[in-house]
Amino acid sequence: MLGWIILGSLIMLIIVLFLVRIGVIFRYNQEDGFEAYMKAAFVKVLVYSSKRKKDSSERIREKLVGGKKGKDKEGEDAEEKAGRLGRLLENYNLIRGSVRRLGRAASIDVLSVRFVAAAKDDPAKAAIMYGRAWAIEGIIIGLLENNIKVRKRDISIEVDYMAERPVISFSLQLTATVAGILNAVIGLLSDMISLKRDKSKTLHEKGGA
């Protein structure tokens, strides 16, 4: 009898934990990189930092080879950076599925995005980036409004013909149940595996043709 009571208590505890709502914060800027936080009540914990991961990798590489190698990120072409925005369109169905799953158990408290289109000595590239950013903004807003509640939204898109390279930063704060987050993550991983499998199959068929 005691065993059943303990088992029932554990099951109830797991159910309660899965239904507890927690805060999740995602931030990105070009200085600090990407950061992810988990927040419960007044406690906020950093769970991922691309800058820390990069610094750690560089320290290990320096010890092994005695110096840094690789492409200088400061010299990265502005057009290549702008191309990252276009990848959103390629993975639209993947993103839509994840947002739809998350929207069943979550709400976005704050969405803040700032993008400044720029390309040194090439106004045409800057103008193309600017127009592309507005097009993607419309797609993202439509996606969110149809699938998840957004309490506060602040999106700024500008163009600077004097700056050397584009600037992008964003902050996303959402509240969700643990079960909702797990469902979205598992669904996203499943979709990514399926997408990768389909691409591999397509390449194989083209190679065999």
C-alpha atoms as a PDB file:
ATOM      1  CA  MET A   1       0.000   0.000   0.000  1.00  0.00           C
ATOM      2  CA  LEU A   2       2.814   2.372   0.913  1.00  0.00           C
ATOM      3  CA  GLY A   3       4.450   1.664  -2.430  1.00  0.00           C
ATOM      4  CA  TRP A   4       1.304   2.731  -4.301  1.00  0.00           C
ATOM      5  CA  ILE A   5       1.125   5.943  -2.264  1.00  0.00           C
ATOM      6  CA  ILE A   6       4.751   6.771  -3.065  1.00  0.00           C
ATOM      7  CA  LEU A   7       4.246   5.966  -6.752  1.00  0.00           C
ATOM      8  CA  GLY A   8       1.082   8.085  -6.888  1.00  0.00           C
ATOM      9  CA  SER A   9       2.862  10.964  -5.158  1.00  0.00           C
ATOM     10  CA  LEU A  10       5.734  10.811  -7.642  1.00  0.00           C
ATOM     11  CA  ILE A  11       3.333  10.805 -10.579  1.00  0.00           C
ATOM     12  CA  MET A  12       1.463  13.809  -9.154  1.00  0.00           C
ATOM     13  CA  LEU A  13       4.761  15.627  -8.569  1.00  0.00           C
ATOM     14  CA  ILE A  14       5.856  15.011 -12.157  1.00  0.00           C
ATOM     15  CA  ILE A  15       2.494  16.236 -13.480  1.00  0.00           C
ATOM     16  CA  VAL A  16       2.685  19.398 -11.356  1.00  0.00           C
ATOM     17  CA  LEU A  17       6.261  20.096 -12.480  1.00  0.00           C
ATOM     18  CA  PHE A  18       5.258  19.681 -16.115  1.00  0.00           C
ATOM     19  CA  LEU A  19       2.387  22.145 -15.660  1.00  0.00           C
ATOM     20  CA  VAL A  20       4.476  24.778 -13.845  1.00  0.00           C
ATOM     21  CA  ARG A  21       5.026  27.881 -15.981  1.00  0.00           C
ATOM     22  CA  ILE A  22       8.582  29.155 -16.276  1.00  0.00           C
ATOM     23  CA  GLY A  23      10.180  32.057 -18.080  1.00  0.00           C
ATOM     24  CA  VAL A  24      12.548  31.585 -21.010  1.00  0.00           C
ATOM     25  CA  ILE A  25      14.669  34.449 -22.320  1.00  0.00           C
ATOM     26  CA  PHE A  26      16.637  34.502 -25.578  1.00  0.00           C
ATOM     27  CA  ARG A  27      18.967  37.378 -26.415  1.00  0.00           C
ATOM     28  CA  TYR A  28      21.343  38.145 -29.261  1.00  0.00           C
ATOM     29  CA  ASN A  29      23.653  40.984 -30.162  1.00  0.00           C
ATOM     30  CA  GLN A  30      26.897  41.075 -32.088  1.00  0.00           C
ATOM     31  CA  GLU A  31      29.024  41.793 -29.020  1.00  0.00           C
ATOM     32  CA  ASP A  32      27.728  39.148 -26.603  1.00  0.00           C
ATOM     33  CA  GLY A  33      26.445  36.628 -29.138  1.00  0.00           C
ATOM     34  CA  PHE A  34      23.463  34.401 -28.350  1.00  0.00           C
ATOM     35  CA  GLU A  35      22.335  33.841 -24.750  1.00  0.00           C
ATOM     36  CA  ALA A  36      19.532  31.744 -23.276  1.00  0.00           C
ATOM     37  CA  TYR A  37      18.162  32.055 -19.742  1.00  0.00           C
ATOM     38  CA  MET A  38      15.645  30.143 -17.636  1.00  0.00           C
ATOM     39  CA  LYS A  39      13.658  32.132 -15.091  1.00  0.00           C
ATOM     40  CA  ALA A  40      11.501  30.941 -12.185  1.00  0.00           C
ATOM     41  CA  ALA A  41      10.134  33.506  -9.726  1.00  0.00           C
ATOM     42  CA  PHE A  42      13.070  35.842  -8.984  1.00  0.00           C
ATOM     43  CA  VAL A  43      15.791  33.412 -10.035  1.00  0.00           C
ATOM     44  CA  LYS A  44      17.343  33.734 -13.514  1.00  0.00           C
ATOM     45  CA  VAL A  45      19.924  31.195 -14.688  1.00  0.00           C
ATOM     46  CA  LEU A  46      22.109  31.416 -17.788  1.00  0.00           C
ATOM     47  CA  VAL A  47      21.828  28.070 -19.579  1.00  0.00           C
ATOM     48  CA  TYR A  48      23.703  28.861 -22.800  1.00  0.00           C
ATOM     49  CA  SER A  49      26.137  31.510 -24.034  1.00  0.00           C
ATOM     50  CA  SER A  50      27.672  31.350 -27.506  1.00  0.00           C
ATOM     51  CA  LYS A  51      30.348  33.846 -26.427  1.00  0.00           C
ATOM     52  CA  ARG A  52      31.488  31.692 -23.521  1.00  0.00           C
ATOM     53  CA  LYS A  53      31.488  28.618 -25.714  1.00  0.00           C
ATOM     54  CA  LYS A  54      33.503  30.437 -28.371  1.00  0.00           C
ATOM     55  CA  ASP A  55      36.005  31.823 -25.849  1.00  0.00           C
ATOM     56  CA  SER A  56      36.479  28.356 -24.368  1.00  0.00           C
ATOM     57  CA  SER A  57      37.032  26.819 -27.817  1.00  0.00           C
ATOM     58  CA  GLU A  58      39.558  29.514 -28.729  1.00  0.00           C
ATOM     59  CA  ARG A  59      41.506  28.981 -25.501  1.00  0.00           C
ATOM     60  CA  ILE A  60      41.716  25.251 -26.203  1.00  0.00           C
ATOM     61  CA  ARG A  61      42.814  25.895 -29.780  1.00  0.00           C
ATOM     62  CA  GLU A  62      45.493  28.342 -28.647  1.00  0.00           C
ATOM     63  CA  LYS A  63      46.922  25.735 -26.284  1.00  0.00           C
ATOM     64  CA  LEU A  64      46.978  23.104 -29.026  1.00  0.00           C
ATOM     65  CA  VAL A  65      48.321  25.116 -31.963  1.00  0.00           C
ATOM     66  CA  GLY A  66      49.810  28.154 -30.235  1.00  0.00           C
ATOM     67  CA  GLY A  67      47.605  30.754 -31.859  1.00  0.00           C
ATOM     68  CA  LYS A  68      44.291  31.592 -33.411  1.00  0.00           C
ATOM     69  CA  LYS A  69      43.439  30.498 -36.901  1.00  0.00           C
ATOM     70  CA  GLY A  70      40.533  30.896 -39.209  1.00  0.00           C
ATOM     71  CA  LYS A  71      38.608  33.592 -40.952  1.00  0.00           C
ATOM     72  CA  ASP A  72      38.508  37.060 -39.412  1.00  0.00           C
ATOM     73  CA  LYS A  73      34.889  37.702 -38.489  1.00  0.00           C
ATOM     74  CA  GLU A  74      35.397  41.465 -38.638  1.00  0.00           C
ATOM     75  CA  GLY A  75      36.079  41.149 -42.318  1.00  0.00           C
ATOM     76  CA  GLU A  76      32.929  39.227 -43.055  1.00  0.00           C
ATOM     77  CA  ASP A  77      31.141  40.554 -46.098  1.00  0.00           C
ATOM     78  CA  ALA A  78      27.902  42.460 -45.469  1.00  0.00           C
ATOM     79  CA  GLU A  79      26.073  40.589 -48.204  1.00  0.00           C
ATOM     80  CA  GLU A  80      26.909  37.267 -46.532  1.00  0.00           C
ATOM     81  CA  LYS A  81      25.380  38.520 -43.282  1.00  0.00           C
ATOM     82  CA  ALA A  82      22.258  39.646 -45.092  1.00  0.00           C
ATOM     83  CA  GLY A  83      21.944  36.177 -46.601  1.00  0.00           C
ATOM     84  CA  ARG A  84      21.257  34.776 -43.152  1.00  0.00           C
ATOM     85  CA  LEU A  85      17.902  36.535 -43.182  1.00  0.00           C
ATOM     86  CA  GLY A  86      16.911  34.738 -46.342  1.00  0.00           C
ATOM     87  CA  ARG A  87      17.346  31.371 -44.636  1.00  0.00           C
ATOM     88  CA  LEU A  88      14.209  32.094 -42.628  1.00  0.00           C
ATOM     89  CA  LEU A  89      12.226  31.710 -45.829  1.00  0.00           C
ATOM     90  CA  GLU A  90      13.859  28.367 -46.619  1.00  0.00           C
ATOM     91  CA  ASN A  91      12.915  26.947 -43.202  1.00  0.00           C
ATOM     92  CA  TYR A  92       9.489  28.591 -42.873  1.00  0.00           C
ATOM     93  CA  ASN A  93       7.521  25.351 -42.458  1.00  0.00           C
ATOM     94  CA  LEU A  94       9.968  24.129 -39.822  1.00  0.00           C
ATOM     95  CA  ILE A  95       9.645  27.367 -37.844  1.00  0.00           C
ATOM     96  CA  ARG A  96       5.863  27.469 -38.218  1.00  0.00           C
ATOM     97  CA  GLY A  97       5.485  23.966 -36.782  1.00  0.00           C
ATOM     98  CA  SER A  98       7.602  24.823 -33.740  1.00  0.00           C
ATOM     99  CA  VAL A  99       5.757  28.093 -33.074  1.00  0.00           C
ATOM    100  CA  ARG A 100       2.401  26.354 -33.406  1.00  0.00           C
ATOM    101  CA  ARG A 101       3.378  23.688 -30.860  1.00  0.00           C
ATOM    102  CA  LEU A 102       4.793  26.262 -28.467  1.00  0.00           C
ATOM    103  CA  GLY A 103       1.741  28.479 -28.827  1.00  0.00           C
ATOM    104  CA  ARG A 104      -0.477  25.823 -27.278  1.00  0.00           C
ATOM    105  CA  ALA A 105       1.268  26.219 -23.906  1.00  0.00           C
ATOM    106  CA  ALA A 106       3.125  29.546 -24.067  1.00  0.00           C
ATOM    107  CA  SER A 107       2.817  33.282 -24.577  1.00  0.00           C
ATOM    108  CA  ILE A 108       5.433  35.838 -25.609  1.00  0.00           C
ATOM    109  CA  ASP A 109       5.802  38.546 -22.979  1.00  0.00           C
ATOM    110  CA  VAL A 110       8.288  40.733 -24.876  1.00  0.00           C
ATOM    111  CA  LEU A 111       9.575  40.609 -28.445  1.00  0.00           C
ATOM    112  CA  SER A 112      12.184  43.221 -29.318  1.00  0.00           C
ATOM    113  CA  VAL A 113      14.102  43.292 -32.609  1.00  0.00           C
ATOM    114  CA  ARG A 114      16.433  45.914 -34.087  1.00  0.00           C
ATOM    115  CA  PHE A 115      17.988  45.616 -37.524  1.00  0.00           C
ATOM    116  CA  VAL A 116      20.080  48.233 -39.309  1.00  0.00           C
ATOM    117  CA  ALA A 117      20.802  47.483 -42.959  1.00  0.00           C
ATOM    118  CA  ALA A 118      24.211  48.680 -44.122  1.00  0.00           C
ATOM    119  CA  ALA A 119      26.916  47.935 -46.681  1.00  0.00           C
ATOM    120  CA  LYS A 120      29.992  50.129 -46.899  1.00  0.00           C
ATOM    121  CA  ASP A 121      30.382  51.920 -50.245  1.00  0.00           C
ATOM    122  CA  ASP A 122      27.418  50.040 -51.746  1.00  0.00           C
ATOM    123  CA  PRO A 123      24.024  51.738 -51.170  1.00  0.00           C
ATOM    124  CA  ALA A 124      22.291  49.232 -53.461  1.00  0.00           C
ATOM    125  CA  LYS A 125      23.187  46.312 -51.174  1.00  0.00           C
ATOM    126  CA  ALA A 126      21.983  48.250 -48.142  1.00  0.00           C
ATOM    127  CA  ALA A 127      18.682  49.030 -49.872  1.00  0.00           C
ATOM    128  CA  ILE A 128      18.185  45.372 -50.828  1.00  0.00           C
ATOM    129  CA  MET A 129      18.866  44.281 -47.242  1.00  0.00           C
ATOM    130  CA  TYR A 130      16.419  46.881 -45.959  1.00  0.00           C
ATOM    131  CA  GLY A 131      13.615  45.711 -48.252  1.00  0.00           C
ATOM    132  CA  ARG A 132      14.299  42.059 -47.503  1.00  0.00           C
ATOM    133  CA  ALA A 133      14.196  42.744 -43.760  1.00  0.00           C
ATOM    134  CA  TRP A 134      10.740  44.339 -44.032  1.00  0.00           C
ATOM    135  CA  ALA A 135       9.481  41.384 -46.067  1.00  0.00           C
ATOM    136  CA  ILE A 136      10.727  38.929 -43.440  1.00  0.00           C
ATOM    137  CA  GLU A 137       9.273  41.091 -40.662  1.00  0.00           C
ATOM    138  CA  GLY A 138       5.840  40.735 -42.255  1.00  0.00           C
ATOM    139  CA  ILE A 139       6.221  36.956 -42.467  1.00  0.00           C
ATOM    140  CA  ILE A 140       7.334  36.659 -38.833  1.00  0.00           C
ATOM    141  CA  ILE A 141       4.552  38.887 -37.480  1.00  0.00           C
ATOM    142  CA  GLY A 142       1.931  36.966 -39.454  1.00  0.00           C
ATOM    143  CA  LEU A 143       3.349  33.696 -38.162  1.00  0.00           C
ATOM    144  CA  LEU A 144       3.253  34.850 -34.527  1.00  0.00           C
ATOM    145  CA  GLU A 145      -0.180  36.488 -34.655  1.00  0.00           C
ATOM    146  CA  ASN A 146      -1.757  33.321 -36.042  1.00  0.00           C
ATOM    147  CA  ASN A 147      -0.123  30.911 -33.602  1.00  0.00           C
ATOM    148  CA  ILE A 148       0.939  32.508 -30.305  1.00  0.00           C
ATOM    149  CA  LYS A 149      -0.091  35.409 -28.080  1.00  0.00           C
ATOM    150  CA  VAL A 150       2.330  38.375 -28.088  1.00  0.00           C
ATOM    151  CA  ARG A 151       1.872  40.827 -25.213  1.00  0.00           C
ATOM    152  CA  LYS A 152       4.485  43.443 -26.144  1.00  0.00           C
ATOM    153  CA  ARG A 153       6.201  43.930 -29.491  1.00  0.00           C
ATOM    154  CA  ASP A 154       8.916  46.392 -30.524  1.00  0.00           C
ATOM    155  CA  ILE A 155      10.450  45.940 -33.970  1.00  0.00           C
ATOM    156  CA  SER A 156      12.763  48.524 -35.521  1.00  0.00           C
ATOM    157  CA  ILE A 157      14.151  48.260 -39.061  1.00  0.00           C
ATOM    158  CA  GLU A 158      16.433  51.007 -40.347  1.00  0.00           C
ATOM    159  CA  VAL A 159      18.995  51.645 -43.057  1.00  0.00           C
ATOM    160  CA  ASP A 160      22.343  53.393 -42.605  1.00  0.00           C
ATOM    161  CA  TYR A 161      24.208  54.196 -45.803  1.00  0.00           C
ATOM    162  CA  MET A 162      27.301  55.348 -43.886  1.00  0.00           C
ATOM    163  CA  ALA A 163      27.857  52.264 -41.689  1.00  0.00           C
ATOM    164  CA  GLU A 164      30.270  49.517 -42.729  1.00  0.00           C
ATOM    165  CA  ARG A 165      28.158  46.468 -41.908  1.00  0.00           C
ATOM    166  CA  PRO A 166      24.615  45.559 -40.771  1.00  0.00           C
ATOM    167  CA  VAL A 167      23.643  45.386 -37.110  1.00  0.00           C
ATOM    168  CA  ILE A 168      21.076  43.050 -35.601  1.00  0.00           C
ATOM    169  CA  SER A 169      19.935  42.414 -32.039  1.00  0.00           C
ATOM    170  CA  PHE A 170      16.874  40.809 -30.506  1.00  0.00           C
ATOM    171  CA  SER A 171      15.339  39.846 -27.197  1.00  0.00           C
ATOM    172  CA  LEU A 172      12.564  37.294 -26.751  1.00  0.00           C
ATOM    173  CA  GLN A 173      10.932  36.645 -23.387  1.00  0.00           C
ATOM    174  CA  LEU A 174       8.229  34.018 -23.128  1.00  0.00           C
ATOM    175  CA  THR A 175       6.355  32.140 -20.444  1.00  0.00           C
ATOM    176  CA  ALA A 176       5.536  28.481 -20.975  1.00  0.00           C
ATOM    177  CA  THR A 177       4.876  25.225 -19.188  1.00  0.00           C
ATOM    178  CA  VAL A 178       7.696  22.696 -18.976  1.00  0.00           C
ATOM    179  CA  ALA A 179       5.562  20.249 -20.947  1.00  0.00           C
ATOM    180  CA  GLY A 180       4.974  22.848 -23.654  1.00  0.00           C
ATOM    181  CA  ILE A 181       8.683  23.570 -24.012  1.00  0.00           C
ATOM    182  CA  LEU A 182       9.556  19.869 -24.197  1.00  0.00           C
ATOM    183  CA  ASN A 183       6.841  19.299 -26.789  1.00  0.00           C
ATOM    184  CA  ALA A 184       8.154  22.164 -28.937  1.00  0.00           C
ATOM    185  CA  VAL A 185      11.788  21.020 -28.639  1.00  0.00           C
ATOM    186  CA  ILE A 186      10.993  17.383 -29.421  1.00  0.00           C
ATOM    187  CA  GLY A 187       8.825  18.433 -32.356  1.00  0.00           C
ATOM    188  CA  LEU A 188      11.559  20.733 -33.687  1.00  0.00           C
ATOM    189  CA  LEU A 189      14.191  17.996 -33.462  1.00  0.00           C
ATOM    190  CA  SER A 190      11.854  15.579 -35.231  1.00  0.00           C
ATOM    191  CA  ASP A 191      11.182  18.104 -38.017  1.00  0.00           C
ATOM    192  CA  MET A 192      14.902  18.841 -38.417  1.00  0.00           C
ATOM    193  CA  ILE A 193      15.711  15.137 -38.725  1.00  0.00           C
ATOM    194  CA  SER A 194      12.950  14.708 -41.318  1.00  0.00           C
ATOM    195  CA  LEU A 195      14.146  17.768 -43.258  1.00  0.00           C
ATOM    196  CA  LYS A 196      17.740  16.526 -43.250  1.00  0.00           C
ATOM    197  CA  ARG A 197      16.603  13.076 -44.374  1.00  0.00           C
ATOM    198  CA  ASP A 198      14.562  14.572 -47.234  1.00  0.00           C
ATOM    199  CA  LYS A 199      17.494  16.726 -48.383  1.00  0.00           C
ATOM    200  CA  SER A 200      19.841  13.732 -48.298  1.00  0.00           C
ATOM    201  CA  LYS A 201      17.331  11.678 -50.279  1.00  0.00           C
ATOM    202  CA  THR A 202      16.973  14.443 -52.873  1.00  0.00           C
ATOM    203  CA  LEU A 203      20.745  14.783 -53.273  1.00  0.00           C
ATOM    204  CA  HIS A 204      21.089  11.001 -53.571  1.00  0.00           C
ATOM    205  CA  GLU A 205      18.399  10.861 -56.275  1.00  0.00           C
ATOM    206  CA  LYS A 206      20.069  13.685 -58.206  1.00  0.00           C
ATOM    207  CA  GLY A 207      23.425  11.949 -57.928  1.00  0.00           C
ATOM    208  CA  GLY A 208      21.985   8.679 -59.186  1.00  0.00           C
ATOM    209  CA  ALA A 209      20.201  10.293 -62.108  1.00  0.00           C
END
